[in-house]
Structure formats: structure tokens, C-alpha cells
Amino acid sequence: MADTYYFCLKHKSVEGPEGCKAIDRLGPYGSRQEAERALQTAEERNAAWDNDPAWNDDPPQ
């Protein structure tokens, strides 16, 4: 079985499957390095979605 990693939002650290509750973490990730940049990945994805014209339903200003 492949290793699985999560980023714990409560402790701001990478942990394995036996870590904190799912509500307190992001993942799963396939490597420790991916889990370490979980917050940056989420920020990048949020920015991409905010600027995607197919999903932007904000009224014109």
C-alpha cells in the first residue's frame, strides 16, 4: 500500500493516516512534500477558481 499523508490544520504539520480527525486536515497526498505545500496548493486553486469565467457568478460592478 502506498504511503498517504495529510496536512493537519490544527497542528500545522504533516501526519499519516492515524492523525487528527478528517475535519481538521487536508488530503490525502501521495508524498510528504505534497502535504507540506497543502496550504499553498489550496491558495493557488482558490485563485484559479475565483478567476475562472465559467464559474464566476459575481454580478458586474
PDB file of N, CA and C in Angstrom:
ATOM      1  N   MET A   1       0.838  -1.192   0.000  1.00  0.00           N
ATOM      2  CA  MET A   1       0.000   0.000   0.000  1.00  0.00           C
ATOM      3  C   MET A   1       0.880   1.252   0.000  1.00  0.00           C
ATOM      4  N   ALA A   2       0.504   2.221  -0.797  1.00  0.00           N
ATOM      5  CA  ALA A   2       1.275   3.461  -0.897  1.00  0.00           C
ATOM      6  C   ALA A   2       1.126   4.292   0.375  1.00  0.00           C
ATOM      7  N   ASP A   3       2.156   5.077   0.653  1.00  0.00           N
ATOM      8  CA  ASP A   3       2.094   5.978   1.804  1.00  0.00           C
ATOM      9  C   ASP A   3       1.080   7.079   1.540  1.00  0.00           C
ATOM     10  N   THR A   4       0.382   7.479   2.578  1.00  0.00           N
ATOM     11  CA  THR A   4      -0.605   8.549   2.492  1.00  0.00           C
ATOM     12  C   THR A   4      -0.292   9.571   3.564  1.00  0.00           C
ATOM     13  N   TYR A   5      -0.326  10.846   3.160  1.00  0.00           N
ATOM     14  CA  TYR A   5      -0.017  11.940   4.077  1.00  0.00           C
ATOM     15  C   TYR A   5      -1.146  12.957   4.072  1.00  0.00           C
ATOM     16  N   TYR A   6      -1.285  13.648   5.190  1.00  0.00           N
ATOM     17  CA  TYR A   6      -2.281  14.703   5.361  1.00  0.00           C
ATOM     18  C   TYR A   6      -1.604  15.912   5.978  1.00  0.00           C
ATOM     19  N   PHE A   7      -2.209  17.088   5.768  1.00  0.00           N
ATOM     20  CA  PHE A   7      -1.739  18.296   6.438  1.00  0.00           C
ATOM     21  C   PHE A   7      -2.767  18.647   7.495  1.00  0.00           C
ATOM     22  N   CYS A   8      -2.348  18.652   8.749  1.00  0.00           N
ATOM     23  CA  CYS A   8      -3.230  18.964   9.872  1.00  0.00           C
ATOM     24  C   CYS A   8      -3.324  20.480  10.036  1.00  0.00           C
ATOM     25  N   LEU A   9      -4.534  21.008   9.901  1.00  0.00           N
ATOM     26  CA  LEU A   9      -4.763  22.441  10.055  1.00  0.00           C
ATOM     27  C   LEU A   9      -4.672  22.872  11.512  1.00  0.00           C
ATOM     28  N   LYS A  10      -4.956  21.971  12.410  1.00  0.00           N
ATOM     29  CA  LYS A  10      -4.921  22.266  13.840  1.00  0.00           C
ATOM     30  C   LYS A  10      -3.479  22.401  14.352  1.00  0.00           C
ATOM     31  N   HIS A  11      -2.615  21.492  13.920  1.00  0.00           N
ATOM     32  CA  HIS A  11      -1.234  21.470  14.397  1.00  0.00           C
ATOM     33  C   HIS A  11      -0.240  22.044  13.383  1.00  0.00           C
ATOM     34  N   LYS A  12      -0.731  22.405  12.190  1.00  0.00           N
ATOM     35  CA  LYS A  12       0.124  22.957  11.129  1.00  0.00           C
ATOM     36  C   LYS A  12       1.299  22.040  10.824  1.00  0.00           C
ATOM     37  N   SER A  13       0.998  20.735  10.670  1.00  0.00           N
ATOM     38  CA  SER A  13       2.062  19.777  10.393  1.00  0.00           C
ATOM     39  C   SER A  13       1.536  18.625   9.543  1.00  0.00           C
ATOM     40  N   VAL A  14       2.470  17.893   8.950  1.00  0.00           N
ATOM     41  CA  VAL A  14       2.143  16.729   8.135  1.00  0.00           C
ATOM     42  C   VAL A  14       1.991  15.532   9.061  1.00  0.00           C
ATOM     43  N   GLU A  15       0.998  14.699   8.760  1.00  0.00           N
ATOM     44  CA  GLU A  15       0.782  13.500   9.557  1.00  0.00           C
ATOM     45  C   GLU A  15       0.312  12.360   8.665  1.00  0.00           C
ATOM     46  N   GLY A  16       0.349  11.166   9.208  1.00  0.00           N
ATOM     47  CA  GLY A  16      -0.093   9.975   8.499  1.00  0.00           C
ATOM     48  C   GLY A  16      -1.574   9.732   8.689  1.00  0.00           C
ATOM     49  N   PRO A  17      -2.057   8.580   8.234  1.00  0.00           N
ATOM     50  CA  PRO A  17      -3.485   8.268   8.308  1.00  0.00           C
ATOM     51  C   PRO A  17      -4.045   8.224   9.733  1.00  0.00           C
ATOM     52  N   GLU A  18      -3.217   7.957  10.716  1.00  0.00           N
ATOM     53  CA  GLU A  18      -3.699   7.858  12.097  1.00  0.00           C
ATOM     54  C   GLU A  18      -3.675   9.193  12.822  1.00  0.00           C
ATOM     55  N   GLY A  19      -3.649  10.287  12.103  1.00  0.00           N
ATOM     56  CA  GLY A  19      -3.578  11.611  12.718  1.00  0.00           C
ATOM     57  C   GLY A  19      -4.919  12.117  13.199  1.00  0.00           C
ATOM     58  N   CYS A  20      -5.086  13.409  13.152  1.00  0.00           N
ATOM     59  CA  CYS A  20      -6.289  14.085  13.628  1.00  0.00           C
ATOM     60  C   CYS A  20      -7.512  13.733  12.792  1.00  0.00           C
ATOM     61  N   LYS A  21      -8.674  14.209  13.248  1.00  0.00           N
ATOM     62  CA  LYS A  21      -9.932  13.969  12.542  1.00  0.00           C
ATOM     63  C   LYS A  21      -9.901  14.602  11.162  1.00  0.00           C
ATOM     64  N   ALA A  22     -10.662  14.029  10.236  1.00  0.00           N
ATOM     65  CA  ALA A  22     -10.696  14.496   8.851  1.00  0.00           C
ATOM     66  C   ALA A  22     -11.083  15.972   8.751  1.00  0.00           C
ATOM     67  N   ILE A  23     -11.942  16.448   9.625  1.00  0.00           N
ATOM     68  CA  ILE A  23     -12.386  17.844   9.560  1.00  0.00           C
ATOM     69  C   ILE A  23     -11.234  18.818   9.815  1.00  0.00           C
ATOM     70  N   ASP A  24     -10.172  18.343  10.465  1.00  0.00           N
ATOM     71  CA  ASP A  24      -9.042  19.193  10.817  1.00  0.00           C
ATOM     72  C   ASP A  24      -7.857  19.069   9.861  1.00  0.00           C
ATOM     73  N   ARG A  25      -8.054  18.397   8.710  1.00  0.00           N
ATOM     74  CA  ARG A  25      -6.896  18.212   7.844  1.00  0.00           C
ATOM     75  C   ARG A  25      -7.230  18.225   6.362  1.00  0.00           C
ATOM     76  N   LEU A  26      -6.208  18.441   5.547  1.00  0.00           N
ATOM     77  CA  LEU A  26      -6.319  18.434   4.096  1.00  0.00           C
ATOM     78  C   LEU A  26      -5.625  17.187   3.572  1.00  0.00           C
ATOM     79  N   GLY A  27      -6.144  16.636   2.510  1.00  0.00           N
ATOM     80  CA  GLY A  27      -5.513  15.466   1.909  1.00  0.00           C
ATOM     81  C   GLY A  27      -6.539  14.430   1.561  1.00  0.00           C
ATOM     82  N   PRO A  28      -6.101  13.318   1.127  1.00  0.00           N
ATOM     83  CA  PRO A  28      -4.761  12.747   1.239  1.00  0.00           C
ATOM     84  C   PRO A  28      -3.840  13.188   0.114  1.00  0.00           C
ATOM     85  N   TYR A  29      -2.551  13.108   0.395  1.00  0.00           N
ATOM     86  CA  TYR A  29      -1.497  13.401  -0.565  1.00  0.00           C
ATOM     87  C   TYR A  29      -0.608  12.171  -0.695  1.00  0.00           C
ATOM     88  N   GLY A  30      -0.011  12.007  -1.851  1.00  0.00           N
ATOM     89  CA  GLY A  30       0.813  10.839  -2.125  1.00  0.00           C
ATOM     90  C   GLY A  30       2.240  10.946  -1.628  1.00  0.00           C
ATOM     91  N   SER A  31       2.650  12.146  -1.206  1.00  0.00           N
ATOM     92  CA  SER A  31       4.006  12.309  -0.686  1.00  0.00           C
ATOM     93  C   SER A  31       4.007  13.348   0.431  1.00  0.00           C
ATOM     94  N   ARG A  32       5.032  13.277   1.246  1.00  0.00           N
ATOM     95  CA  ARG A  32       5.194  14.240   2.338  1.00  0.00           C
ATOM     96  C   ARG A  32       5.355  15.652   1.772  1.00  0.00           C
ATOM     97  N   GLN A  33       6.072  15.786   0.655  1.00  0.00           N
ATOM     98  CA  GLN A  33       6.306  17.091   0.049  1.00  0.00           C
ATOM     99  C   GLN A  33       4.999  17.722  -0.424  1.00  0.00           C
ATOM    100  N   GLU A  34       4.115  16.925  -1.022  1.00  0.00           N
ATOM    101  CA  GLU A  34       2.812  17.451  -1.445  1.00  0.00           C
ATOM    102  C   GLU A  34       2.018  17.935  -0.240  1.00  0.00           C
ATOM    103  N   ALA A  35       2.026  17.165   0.838  1.00  0.00           N
ATOM    104  CA  ALA A  35       1.293  17.544   2.049  1.00  0.00           C
ATOM    105  C   ALA A  35       1.873  18.810   2.669  1.00  0.00           C
ATOM    106  N   GLU A  36       3.195  18.973   2.607  1.00  0.00           N
ATOM    107  CA  GLU A  36       3.833  20.165   3.175  1.00  0.00           C
ATOM    108  C   GLU A  36       3.396  21.439   2.465  1.00  0.00           C
ATOM    109  N   ARG A  37       3.044  21.338   1.183  1.00  0.00           N
ATOM    110  CA  ARG A  37       2.605  22.549   0.481  1.00  0.00           C
ATOM    111  C   ARG A  37       1.094  22.593   0.288  1.00  0.00           C
ATOM    112  N   ALA A  38       0.361  21.930   1.155  1.00  0.00           N
ATOM    113  CA  ALA A  38      -1.098  21.862   1.061  1.00  0.00           C
ATOM    114  C   ALA A  38      -1.760  23.234   1.099  1.00  0.00           C
ATOM    115  N   LEU A  39      -1.325  24.104   1.986  1.00  0.00           N
ATOM    116  CA  LEU A  39      -1.945  25.433   2.081  1.00  0.00           C
ATOM    117  C   LEU A  39      -1.666  26.259   0.831  1.00  0.00           C
ATOM    118  N   GLN A  40      -0.461  26.152   0.290  1.00  0.00           N
ATOM    119  CA  GLN A  40      -0.118  26.871  -0.936  1.00  0.00           C
ATOM    120  C   GLN A  40      -0.939  26.326  -2.111  1.00  0.00           C
ATOM    121  N   THR A  41      -1.091  25.018  -2.182  1.00  0.00           N
ATOM    122  CA  THR A  41      -1.894  24.414  -3.247  1.00  0.00           C
ATOM    123  C   THR A  41      -3.340  24.884  -3.158  1.00  0.00           C
ATOM    124  N   ALA A  42      -3.896  24.913  -1.958  1.00  0.00           N
ATOM    125  CA  ALA A  42      -5.273  25.374  -1.780  1.00  0.00           C
ATOM    126  C   ALA A  42      -5.418  26.836  -2.193  1.00  0.00           C
ATOM    127  N   GLU A  43      -4.450  27.660  -1.839  1.00  0.00           N
ATOM    128  CA  GLU A  43      -4.478  29.075  -2.210  1.00  0.00           C
ATOM    129  C   GLU A  43      -4.425  29.243  -3.733  1.00  0.00           C
ATOM    130  N   GLU A  44      -3.571  28.475  -4.386  1.00  0.00           N
ATOM    131  CA  GLU A  44      -3.458  28.540  -5.852  1.00  0.00           C
ATOM    132  C   GLU A  44      -4.758  28.105  -6.522  1.00  0.00           C
ATOM    133  N   ARG A  45      -5.356  27.032  -6.013  1.00  0.00           N
ATOM    134  CA  ARG A  45      -6.617  26.552  -6.592  1.00  0.00           C
ATOM    135  C   ARG A  45      -7.749  27.548  -6.369  1.00  0.00           C
ATOM    136  N   ASN A  46      -7.809  28.142  -5.194  1.00  0.00           N
ATOM    137  CA  ASN A  46      -8.845  29.150  -4.928  1.00  0.00           C
ATOM    138  C   ASN A  46      -8.712  30.331  -5.875  1.00  0.00           C
ATOM    139  N   ALA A  47      -7.485  30.784  -6.111  1.00  0.00           N
ATOM    140  CA  ALA A  47      -7.262  31.901  -7.026  1.00  0.00           C
ATOM    141  C   ALA A  47      -7.684  31.527  -8.445  1.00  0.00           C
ATOM    142  N   ALA A  48      -7.368  30.320  -8.861  1.00  0.00           N
ATOM    143  CA  ALA A  48      -7.751  29.877 -10.203  1.00  0.00           C
ATOM    144  C   ALA A  48      -9.269  29.826 -10.331  1.00  0.00           C
ATOM    145  N   TRP A  49      -9.952  29.305  -9.326  1.00  0.00           N
ATOM    146  CA  TRP A  49     -11.415  29.226  -9.374  1.00  0.00           C
ATOM    147  C   TRP A  49     -12.041  30.612  -9.317  1.00  0.00           C
ATOM    148  N   ASP A  50     -11.484  31.505  -8.525  1.00  0.00           N
ATOM    149  CA  ASP A  50     -12.017  32.871  -8.431  1.00  0.00           C
ATOM    150  C   ASP A  50     -11.927  33.600  -9.763  1.00  0.00           C
ATOM    151  N   ASN A  51     -10.947  33.242 -10.586  1.00  0.00           N
ATOM    152  CA  ASN A  51     -10.730  33.922 -11.857  1.00  0.00           C
ATOM    153  C   ASN A  51     -11.213  33.120 -13.060  1.00  0.00           C
ATOM    154  N   ASP A  52     -11.906  32.021 -12.840  1.00  0.00           N
ATOM    155  CA  ASP A  52     -12.410  31.192 -13.934  1.00  0.00           C
ATOM    156  C   ASP A  52     -13.746  31.752 -14.405  1.00  0.00           C
ATOM    157  N   PRO A  53     -13.811  32.248 -15.644  1.00  0.00           N
ATOM    158  CA  PRO A  53     -15.061  32.856 -16.113  1.00  0.00           C
ATOM    159  C   PRO A  53     -16.223  31.863 -16.173  1.00  0.00           C
ATOM    160  N   ALA A  54     -15.936  30.585 -16.282  1.00  0.00           N
ATOM    161  CA  ALA A  54     -17.007  29.589 -16.324  1.00  0.00           C
ATOM    162  C   ALA A  54     -17.701  29.456 -14.960  1.00  0.00           C
ATOM    163  N   TRP A  55     -17.004  29.828 -13.898  1.00  0.00           N
ATOM    164  CA  TRP A  55     -17.573  29.690 -12.544  1.00  0.00           C
ATOM    165  C   TRP A  55     -17.773  31.011 -11.841  1.00  0.00           C
ATOM    166  N   ASN A  56     -17.432  32.092 -12.466  1.00  0.00           N
ATOM    167  CA  ASN A  56     -17.547  33.393 -11.821  1.00  0.00           C
ATOM    168  C   ASN A  56     -18.976  33.901 -11.985  1.00  0.00           C
ATOM    169  N   ASP A  57     -19.737  33.846 -10.912  1.00  0.00           N
ATOM    170  CA  ASP A  57     -21.136  34.293 -10.956  1.00  0.00           C
ATOM    171  C   ASP A  57     -21.352  35.583 -10.171  1.00  0.00           C
ATOM    172  N   ASP A  58     -20.261  36.304  -9.904  1.00  0.00           N
ATOM    173  CA  ASP A  58     -20.391  37.585  -9.229  1.00  0.00           C
ATOM    174  C   ASP A  58     -21.038  38.587 -10.174  1.00  0.00           C
ATOM    175  N   PRO A  59     -21.938  39.434  -9.677  1.00  0.00           N
ATOM    176  CA  PRO A  59     -22.554  40.432 -10.546  1.00  0.00           C
ATOM    177  C   PRO A  59     -21.522  41.454 -11.026  1.00  0.00           C
ATOM    178  N   PRO A  60     -21.690  41.998 -12.235  1.00  0.00           N
ATOM    179  CA  PRO A  60     -20.755  43.014 -12.712  1.00  0.00           C
ATOM    180  C   PRO A  60     -20.770  44.237 -11.805  1.00  0.00           C
ATOM    181  N   GLN A  61     -19.624  44.843 -11.675  1.00  0.00           N
ATOM    182  CA  GLN A  61     -19.515  46.018 -10.807  1.00  0.00           C
ATOM    183  C   GLN A  61     -19.456  47.284 -11.622  1.00  0.00           C
TER     184      GLN A  61
END
